[in-house]
């Protein structure tokens, strides 16, 4: 790649990557707290405590879905800029060209792919962190009792 494109080739697609993942992070982490509270309020105090892990999973899945919708067009532009020479120089000319050529059906196709890739990972990560948060305090309290 360096021989063909020089140092500039390593930076192709940085703008859509920066903007897309900034939007994804903002939606993912911002909406996660919102959805946790929203689903807890729907469940009520008793069920919110009893089914805390499921509420966290639902909040995580909901926020990830919206975050992936925000990420999708930028990720599609990044991939095209990096893999299709001559498609566009960057985000400013790549996004309008992508919208013009693919339209809503292309956007929906990319959203489905990104959601299918990201959502299972997010759910496993959420389950794992919930499991660790529950398990480690128990282990720690057991160690204190034996001393």
C-alpha atoms as a PDB file:
ATOM      1  CA  UNK A   1       0.000   0.000   0.000  1.00  0.00           C
ATOM      2  CA  UNK A   2       2.816   2.389   0.850  1.00  0.00           C
ATOM      3  CA  UNK A   3       4.405   1.797  -2.555  1.00  0.00           C
ATOM      4  CA  UNK A   4       1.166   2.537  -4.408  1.00  0.00           C
ATOM      5  CA  UNK A   5      -0.300   5.418  -2.375  1.00  0.00           C
ATOM      6  CA  UNK A   6       2.536   6.666  -0.195  1.00  0.00           C
ATOM      7  CA  UNK A   7       2.054   7.939   3.325  1.00  0.00           C
ATOM      8  CA  UNK A   8      -1.249   9.524   2.323  1.00  0.00           C
ATOM      9  CA  UNK A   9      -2.762   6.054   1.789  1.00  0.00           C
ATOM     10  CA  UNK A  10      -2.597   5.324   5.513  1.00  0.00           C
ATOM     11  CA  UNK A  11      -4.889   8.259   6.240  1.00  0.00           C
ATOM     12  CA  UNK A  12      -7.561   7.575   3.635  1.00  0.00           C
ATOM     13  CA  UNK A  13     -10.972   7.491   5.229  1.00  0.00           C
ATOM     14  CA  UNK A  14     -10.007   9.130   8.519  1.00  0.00           C
ATOM     15  CA  UNK A  15     -12.773  11.769   8.391  1.00  0.00           C
ATOM     16  CA  UNK A  16     -15.714   9.362   7.974  1.00  0.00           C
ATOM     17  CA  UNK A  17     -14.157   7.123  10.613  1.00  0.00           C
ATOM     18  CA  UNK A  18     -13.818  10.002  13.079  1.00  0.00           C
ATOM     19  CA  UNK A  19     -17.298  11.419  12.488  1.00  0.00           C
ATOM     20  CA  UNK A  20     -19.014   8.016  12.323  1.00  0.00           C
ATOM     21  CA  UNK A  21     -17.513   6.551  15.464  1.00  0.00           C
ATOM     22  CA  UNK A  22     -17.998   9.827  17.339  1.00  0.00           C
ATOM     23  CA  UNK A  23     -21.695   9.699  16.482  1.00  0.00           C
ATOM     24  CA  UNK A  24     -21.885   6.020  17.371  1.00  0.00           C
ATOM     25  CA  UNK A  25     -20.222   6.564  20.743  1.00  0.00           C
ATOM     26  CA  UNK A  26     -22.407   9.544  21.565  1.00  0.00           C
ATOM     27  CA  UNK A  27     -25.591   7.629  20.811  1.00  0.00           C
ATOM     28  CA  UNK A  28     -24.451   4.359  22.364  1.00  0.00           C
ATOM     29  CA  UNK A  29     -23.355   5.726  25.725  1.00  0.00           C
ATOM     30  CA  UNK A  30     -25.816   8.590  25.895  1.00  0.00           C
ATOM     31  CA  UNK A  31     -28.874   6.531  25.088  1.00  0.00           C
ATOM     32  CA  UNK A  32     -27.820   3.524  27.162  1.00  0.00           C
ATOM     33  CA  UNK A  33     -28.445   5.461  30.387  1.00  0.00           C
ATOM     34  CA  UNK A  34     -31.715   6.789  29.016  1.00  0.00           C
ATOM     35  CA  UNK A  35     -32.988   3.344  28.026  1.00  0.00           C
ATOM     36  CA  UNK A  36     -31.895   1.779  31.337  1.00  0.00           C
ATOM     37  CA  UNK A  37     -34.008   4.316  33.211  1.00  0.00           C
ATOM     38  CA  UNK A  38     -36.857   4.091  30.722  1.00  0.00           C
ATOM     39  CA  UNK A  39     -37.103   0.294  30.937  1.00  0.00           C
ATOM     40  CA  UNK A  40     -36.671   0.345  34.732  1.00  0.00           C
ATOM     41  CA  UNK A  41     -39.524   2.820  35.035  1.00  0.00           C
ATOM     42  CA  UNK A  42     -41.732   0.639  32.826  1.00  0.00           C
ATOM     43  CA  UNK A  43     -40.914  -2.460  34.889  1.00  0.00           C
ATOM     44  CA  UNK A  44     -41.420  -0.764  38.238  1.00  0.00           C
ATOM     45  CA  UNK A  45     -39.081  -0.877  41.258  1.00  0.00           C
ATOM     46  CA  UNK A  46     -39.659  -4.508  42.208  1.00  0.00           C
ATOM     47  CA  UNK A  47     -39.210  -5.977  38.724  1.00  0.00           C
ATOM     48  CA  UNK A  48     -36.433  -3.540  37.863  1.00  0.00           C
ATOM     49  CA  UNK A  49     -34.373  -4.953  40.709  1.00  0.00           C
ATOM     50  CA  UNK A  50     -35.351  -8.539  39.994  1.00  0.00           C
ATOM     51  CA  UNK A  51     -34.643  -8.348  36.243  1.00  0.00           C
ATOM     52  CA  UNK A  52     -31.802  -5.834  36.273  1.00  0.00           C
ATOM     53  CA  UNK A  53     -29.640  -7.804  33.836  1.00  0.00           C
ATOM     54  CA  UNK A  54     -32.456  -8.068  31.287  1.00  0.00           C
ATOM     55  CA  UNK A  55     -33.184  -4.352  31.602  1.00  0.00           C
ATOM     56  CA  UNK A  56     -29.501  -3.551  31.058  1.00  0.00           C
ATOM     57  CA  UNK A  57     -29.428  -5.858  28.033  1.00  0.00           C
ATOM     58  CA  UNK A  58     -32.522  -4.204  26.565  1.00  0.00           C
ATOM     59  CA  UNK A  59     -31.024  -0.762  27.168  1.00  0.00           C
ATOM     60  CA  UNK A  60     -27.767  -1.835  25.589  1.00  0.00           C
ATOM     61  CA  UNK A  61     -29.464  -3.363  22.558  1.00  0.00           C
ATOM     62  CA  UNK A  62     -31.700  -0.337  22.035  1.00  0.00           C
ATOM     63  CA  UNK A  63     -28.875   2.160  22.246  1.00  0.00           C
ATOM     64  CA  UNK A  64     -26.621   0.047  20.013  1.00  0.00           C
ATOM     65  CA  UNK A  65     -29.298  -0.183  17.350  1.00  0.00           C
ATOM     66  CA  UNK A  66     -29.662   3.599  17.163  1.00  0.00           C
ATOM     67  CA  UNK A  67     -25.888   4.088  17.351  1.00  0.00           C
ATOM     68  CA  UNK A  68     -25.370   1.702  14.423  1.00  0.00           C
ATOM     69  CA  UNK A  69     -27.929   3.581  12.350  1.00  0.00           C
ATOM     70  CA  UNK A  70     -25.907   6.755  12.997  1.00  0.00           C
ATOM     71  CA  UNK A  71     -22.600   5.033  12.152  1.00  0.00           C
ATOM     72  CA  UNK A  72     -23.713   3.281   8.988  1.00  0.00           C
ATOM     73  CA  UNK A  73     -23.395   5.948   6.264  1.00  0.00           C
ATOM     74  CA  UNK A  74     -19.985   7.048   7.516  1.00  0.00           C
ATOM     75  CA  UNK A  75     -18.690   3.487   7.672  1.00  0.00           C
ATOM     76  CA  UNK A  76     -19.942   2.840   4.132  1.00  0.00           C
ATOM     77  CA  UNK A  77     -18.132   5.961   2.857  1.00  0.00           C
ATOM     78  CA  UNK A  78     -14.947   4.956   4.691  1.00  0.00           C
ATOM     79  CA  UNK A  79     -14.946   1.487   3.173  1.00  0.00           C
ATOM     80  CA  UNK A  80     -15.542   2.849  -0.332  1.00  0.00           C
ATOM     81  CA  UNK A  81     -12.837   5.522  -0.012  1.00  0.00           C
ATOM     82  CA  UNK A  82     -10.339   2.907   1.186  1.00  0.00           C
ATOM     83  CA  UNK A  83     -11.193   0.085  -1.205  1.00  0.00           C
ATOM     84  CA  UNK A  84     -12.477   1.717  -4.401  1.00  0.00           C
ATOM     85  CA  UNK A  85      -9.899   4.074  -5.894  1.00  0.00           C
ATOM     86  CA  UNK A  86     -11.572   7.071  -7.474  1.00  0.00           C
ATOM     87  CA  UNK A  87     -14.852   6.710  -5.568  1.00  0.00           C
ATOM     88  CA  UNK A  88     -14.271   9.870  -3.554  1.00  0.00           C
ATOM     89  CA  UNK A  89     -11.520  11.812  -1.840  1.00  0.00           C
ATOM     90  CA  UNK A  90     -13.163  11.780   1.554  1.00  0.00           C
ATOM     91  CA  UNK A  91     -16.327  12.404   3.518  1.00  0.00           C
ATOM     92  CA  UNK A  92     -17.368  15.697   1.907  1.00  0.00           C
ATOM     93  CA  UNK A  93     -17.703  14.268  -1.590  1.00  0.00           C
ATOM     94  CA  UNK A  94     -18.179  10.605  -0.611  1.00  0.00           C
ATOM     95  CA  UNK A  95     -21.355  10.931   1.455  1.00  0.00           C
ATOM     96  CA  UNK A  96     -23.388  12.781  -1.208  1.00  0.00           C
ATOM     97  CA  UNK A  97     -22.168  10.341  -3.847  1.00  0.00           C
ATOM     98  CA  UNK A  98     -23.123   7.358  -1.690  1.00  0.00           C
ATOM     99  CA  UNK A  99     -26.609   8.771  -1.049  1.00  0.00           C
ATOM    100  CA  UNK A 100     -27.068   9.541  -4.744  1.00  0.00           C
ATOM    101  CA  UNK A 101     -25.944   6.121  -5.967  1.00  0.00           C
ATOM    102  CA  UNK A 102     -27.404   3.811  -3.311  1.00  0.00           C
ATOM    103  CA  UNK A 103     -30.325   5.686  -1.789  1.00  0.00           C
ATOM    104  CA  UNK A 104     -32.442   4.346   1.053  1.00  0.00           C
ATOM    105  CA  UNK A 105     -32.247   0.689   0.007  1.00  0.00           C
ATOM    106  CA  UNK A 106     -28.444   0.775   0.108  1.00  0.00           C
ATOM    107  CA  UNK A 107     -28.562   2.469   3.493  1.00  0.00           C
ATOM    108  CA  UNK A 108     -30.947  -0.175   4.874  1.00  0.00           C
ATOM    109  CA  UNK A 109     -28.696  -2.942   3.560  1.00  0.00           C
ATOM    110  CA  UNK A 110     -25.650  -1.463   5.321  1.00  0.00           C
ATOM    111  CA  UNK A 111     -27.584  -0.944   8.571  1.00  0.00           C
ATOM    112  CA  UNK A 112     -28.621  -4.604   8.602  1.00  0.00           C
ATOM    113  CA  UNK A 113     -25.020  -5.714   8.134  1.00  0.00           C
ATOM    114  CA  UNK A 114     -23.614  -3.436  10.840  1.00  0.00           C
ATOM    115  CA  UNK A 115     -26.340  -4.310  13.337  1.00  0.00           C
ATOM    116  CA  UNK A 116     -25.793  -8.035  12.730  1.00  0.00           C
ATOM    117  CA  UNK A 117     -22.088  -7.561  13.381  1.00  0.00           C
ATOM    118  CA  UNK A 118     -22.241  -5.226  16.377  1.00  0.00           C
ATOM    119  CA  UNK A 119     -25.355  -6.194  18.332  1.00  0.00           C
ATOM    120  CA  UNK A 120     -24.276  -9.720  19.402  1.00  0.00           C
ATOM    121  CA  UNK A 121     -20.908  -8.386  20.550  1.00  0.00           C
ATOM    122  CA  UNK A 122     -22.534  -5.638  22.595  1.00  0.00           C
ATOM    123  CA  UNK A 123     -24.970  -8.047  24.232  1.00  0.00           C
ATOM    124  CA  UNK A 124     -22.235 -10.516  25.161  1.00  0.00           C
ATOM    125  CA  UNK A 125     -20.115  -7.681  26.526  1.00  0.00           C
ATOM    126  CA  UNK A 126     -23.058  -6.383  28.573  1.00  0.00           C
ATOM    127  CA  UNK A 127     -23.802  -9.837  29.968  1.00  0.00           C
ATOM    128  CA  UNK A 128     -20.163 -10.393  30.743  1.00  0.00           C
ATOM    129  CA  UNK A 129     -19.712  -7.118  32.595  1.00  0.00           C
ATOM    130  CA  UNK A 130     -22.938  -7.708  34.523  1.00  0.00           C
ATOM    131  CA  UNK A 131     -21.769 -11.189  35.476  1.00  0.00           C
ATOM    132  CA  UNK A 132     -18.375  -9.904  36.613  1.00  0.00           C
ATOM    133  CA  UNK A 133     -19.923  -7.098  38.644  1.00  0.00           C
ATOM    134  CA  UNK A 134     -22.079  -9.623  40.482  1.00  0.00           C
ATOM    135  CA  UNK A 135     -19.374 -12.291  40.860  1.00  0.00           C
ATOM    136  CA  UNK A 136     -16.358 -10.268  42.011  1.00  0.00           C
ATOM    137  CA  UNK A 137     -18.002  -8.639  45.038  1.00  0.00           C
ATOM    138  CA  UNK A 138     -19.038 -12.145  46.172  1.00  0.00           C
ATOM    139  CA  UNK A 139     -15.496 -13.465  45.748  1.00  0.00           C
ATOM    140  CA  UNK A 140     -14.061 -10.447  47.535  1.00  0.00           C
ATOM    141  CA  UNK A 141     -16.455 -10.819  50.492  1.00  0.00           C
ATOM    142  CA  UNK A 142     -15.581 -14.541  50.757  1.00  0.00           C
ATOM    143  CA  UNK A 143     -11.868 -13.676  50.957  1.00  0.00           C
ATOM    144  CA  UNK A 144     -12.506 -11.167  53.740  1.00  0.00           C
ATOM    145  CA  UNK A 145     -14.452 -13.744  55.773  1.00  0.00           C
ATOM    146  CA  UNK A 146     -11.619 -16.310  55.604  1.00  0.00           C
ATOM    147  CA  UNK A 147      -8.949 -13.904  56.927  1.00  0.00           C
END
